[in-house]
């Protein structure tokens, strides 16, 4: 199911991205179990989707929010107190892993 949603994200079509974002939010436990490179790619695609036409930004933001919250729990991510949090910060977190 998650792999199908990745294909929808990769399609670049607004309605597909919205559908994928909604499903990924619902399947967040499965999403964070993916290999790190796949998880990073999902976050990147969702973040980039915010600039695309015909995308429901609310669904995409919800997906980003639920995935990053689940990442904090699963990977025991400690966000530095002075750090301004952004979805780009979470994407960059993978590079330090």
C-alpha atoms as a PDB file:
ATOM      1  CA  UNK A   1       0.000   0.000   0.000  1.00  0.00           C
ATOM      2  CA  UNK A   2       2.751   2.475   0.922  1.00  0.00           C
ATOM      3  CA  UNK A   3       4.695   1.673  -2.259  1.00  0.00           C
ATOM      4  CA  UNK A   4       1.561   2.430  -4.292  1.00  0.00           C
ATOM      5  CA  UNK A   5       1.320   5.811  -2.578  1.00  0.00           C
ATOM      6  CA  UNK A   6       4.960   6.548  -3.402  1.00  0.00           C
ATOM      7  CA  UNK A   7       4.136   5.947  -7.072  1.00  0.00           C
ATOM      8  CA  UNK A   8       1.225   8.374  -6.794  1.00  0.00           C
ATOM      9  CA  UNK A   9       3.556  10.992  -5.302  1.00  0.00           C
ATOM     10  CA  UNK A  10       6.063  10.397  -8.086  1.00  0.00           C
ATOM     11  CA  UNK A  11       3.357  10.955 -10.707  1.00  0.00           C
ATOM     12  CA  UNK A  12       3.359  14.659  -9.859  1.00  0.00           C
ATOM     13  CA  UNK A  13      -0.400  14.921 -10.469  1.00  0.00           C
ATOM     14  CA  UNK A  14      -2.141  17.087  -7.873  1.00  0.00           C
ATOM     15  CA  UNK A  15      -5.056  14.772  -7.171  1.00  0.00           C
ATOM     16  CA  UNK A  16      -2.725  11.768  -6.893  1.00  0.00           C
ATOM     17  CA  UNK A  17      -0.476  13.636  -4.479  1.00  0.00           C
ATOM     18  CA  UNK A  18      -3.460  14.552  -2.311  1.00  0.00           C
ATOM     19  CA  UNK A  19      -4.676  10.941  -2.273  1.00  0.00           C
ATOM     20  CA  UNK A  20      -1.198   9.681  -1.409  1.00  0.00           C
ATOM     21  CA  UNK A  21      -0.763  12.242   1.370  1.00  0.00           C
ATOM     22  CA  UNK A  22      -4.071  11.297   2.966  1.00  0.00           C
ATOM     23  CA  UNK A  23      -3.286   7.574   2.839  1.00  0.00           C
ATOM     24  CA  UNK A  24       0.268   8.045   4.139  1.00  0.00           C
ATOM     25  CA  UNK A  25      -1.138   9.976   7.114  1.00  0.00           C
ATOM     26  CA  UNK A  26      -3.373   7.026   7.897  1.00  0.00           C
ATOM     27  CA  UNK A  27      -0.555   4.475   7.429  1.00  0.00           C
ATOM     28  CA  UNK A  28       2.096   6.454   9.315  1.00  0.00           C
ATOM     29  CA  UNK A  29       3.300   3.443  11.345  1.00  0.00           C
ATOM     30  CA  UNK A  30       4.071   1.610   8.087  1.00  0.00           C
ATOM     31  CA  UNK A  31       5.725   4.681   6.587  1.00  0.00           C
ATOM     32  CA  UNK A  32       8.306   5.066   9.364  1.00  0.00           C
ATOM     33  CA  UNK A  33       9.205   1.377   9.079  1.00  0.00           C
ATOM     34  CA  UNK A  34      10.462   1.920   5.527  1.00  0.00           C
ATOM     35  CA  UNK A  35      14.202   2.047   4.854  1.00  0.00           C
ATOM     36  CA  UNK A  36      15.649   5.451   5.704  1.00  0.00           C
ATOM     37  CA  UNK A  37      16.256   6.408   2.066  1.00  0.00           C
ATOM     38  CA  UNK A  38      12.596   5.718   1.167  1.00  0.00           C
ATOM     39  CA  UNK A  39      11.340   7.652   4.187  1.00  0.00           C
ATOM     40  CA  UNK A  40      13.539  10.612   3.272  1.00  0.00           C
ATOM     41  CA  UNK A  41      12.279  10.499  -0.313  1.00  0.00           C
ATOM     42  CA  UNK A  42       8.652  10.555   0.875  1.00  0.00           C
ATOM     43  CA  UNK A  43       9.299  13.615   3.047  1.00  0.00           C
ATOM     44  CA  UNK A  44      11.076  15.359   0.173  1.00  0.00           C
ATOM     45  CA  UNK A  45       8.261  14.634  -2.284  1.00  0.00           C
ATOM     46  CA  UNK A  46       5.590  15.778   0.161  1.00  0.00           C
ATOM     47  CA  UNK A  47       7.499  18.955   0.976  1.00  0.00           C
ATOM     48  CA  UNK A  48       7.976  19.736  -2.728  1.00  0.00           C
ATOM     49  CA  UNK A  49       4.294  19.007  -3.396  1.00  0.00           C
ATOM     50  CA  UNK A  50       3.317  22.103  -1.430  1.00  0.00           C
ATOM     51  CA  UNK A  51       4.313  24.199  -4.460  1.00  0.00           C
ATOM     52  CA  UNK A  52       2.284  22.210  -6.977  1.00  0.00           C
ATOM     53  CA  UNK A  53      -1.117  23.147  -8.410  1.00  0.00           C
ATOM     54  CA  UNK A  54      -4.248  21.133  -7.606  1.00  0.00           C
ATOM     55  CA  UNK A  55      -2.729  19.748  -4.407  1.00  0.00           C
ATOM     56  CA  UNK A  56      -4.656  19.956  -1.143  1.00  0.00           C
ATOM     57  CA  UNK A  57      -1.979  21.581   1.019  1.00  0.00           C
ATOM     58  CA  UNK A  58      -3.922  20.647   4.151  1.00  0.00           C
ATOM     59  CA  UNK A  59      -3.623  16.931   3.388  1.00  0.00           C
ATOM     60  CA  UNK A  60       0.065  17.282   2.527  1.00  0.00           C
ATOM     61  CA  UNK A  61       0.808  19.251   5.693  1.00  0.00           C
ATOM     62  CA  UNK A  62      -1.121  16.692   7.748  1.00  0.00           C
ATOM     63  CA  UNK A  63       0.991  13.905   6.221  1.00  0.00           C
ATOM     64  CA  UNK A  64       4.223  15.787   6.899  1.00  0.00           C
ATOM     65  CA  UNK A  65       3.123  16.489  10.463  1.00  0.00           C
ATOM     66  CA  UNK A  66       2.073  12.925  11.294  1.00  0.00           C
ATOM     67  CA  UNK A  67       5.166  11.386   9.689  1.00  0.00           C
ATOM     68  CA  UNK A  68       7.613  13.716  11.445  1.00  0.00           C
ATOM     69  CA  UNK A  69       5.849  13.222  14.788  1.00  0.00           C
ATOM     70  CA  UNK A  70       6.083   9.460  14.363  1.00  0.00           C
ATOM     71  CA  UNK A  71       9.768   9.818  13.411  1.00  0.00           C
ATOM     72  CA  UNK A  72      10.425  11.684  16.671  1.00  0.00           C
ATOM     73  CA  UNK A  73       8.954   8.775  18.608  1.00  0.00           C
ATOM     74  CA  UNK A  74      10.495   5.942  16.590  1.00  0.00           C
ATOM     75  CA  UNK A  75      14.019   7.331  16.262  1.00  0.00           C
ATOM     76  CA  UNK A  76      14.131   9.196  19.599  1.00  0.00           C
ATOM     77  CA  UNK A  77      14.902  12.423  17.773  1.00  0.00           C
ATOM     78  CA  UNK A  78      15.841  15.212  20.130  1.00  0.00           C
ATOM     79  CA  UNK A  79      15.307  18.594  18.571  1.00  0.00           C
ATOM     80  CA  UNK A  80      17.778  21.180  19.896  1.00  0.00           C
ATOM     81  CA  UNK A  81      15.979  23.823  21.919  1.00  0.00           C
ATOM     82  CA  UNK A  82      17.286  26.711  19.809  1.00  0.00           C
ATOM     83  CA  UNK A  83      16.497  24.916  16.534  1.00  0.00           C
ATOM     84  CA  UNK A  84      13.750  26.357  14.362  1.00  0.00           C
ATOM     85  CA  UNK A  85      11.809  23.310  13.246  1.00  0.00           C
ATOM     86  CA  UNK A  86      10.910  22.861   9.629  1.00  0.00           C
ATOM     87  CA  UNK A  87      10.226  19.891   7.429  1.00  0.00           C
ATOM     88  CA  UNK A  88      13.554  20.655   5.707  1.00  0.00           C
ATOM     89  CA  UNK A  89      15.239  20.134   9.090  1.00  0.00           C
ATOM     90  CA  UNK A  90      13.762  16.633   9.294  1.00  0.00           C
ATOM     91  CA  UNK A  91      14.918  15.884   5.734  1.00  0.00           C
ATOM     92  CA  UNK A  92      18.406  17.085   6.698  1.00  0.00           C
ATOM     93  CA  UNK A  93      18.302  14.880   9.804  1.00  0.00           C
ATOM     94  CA  UNK A  94      18.660  11.848   7.536  1.00  0.00           C
ATOM     95  CA  UNK A  95      21.994  13.164   6.242  1.00  0.00           C
ATOM     96  CA  UNK A  96      23.375  13.169   9.787  1.00  0.00           C
ATOM     97  CA  UNK A  97      22.154   9.620  10.413  1.00  0.00           C
END
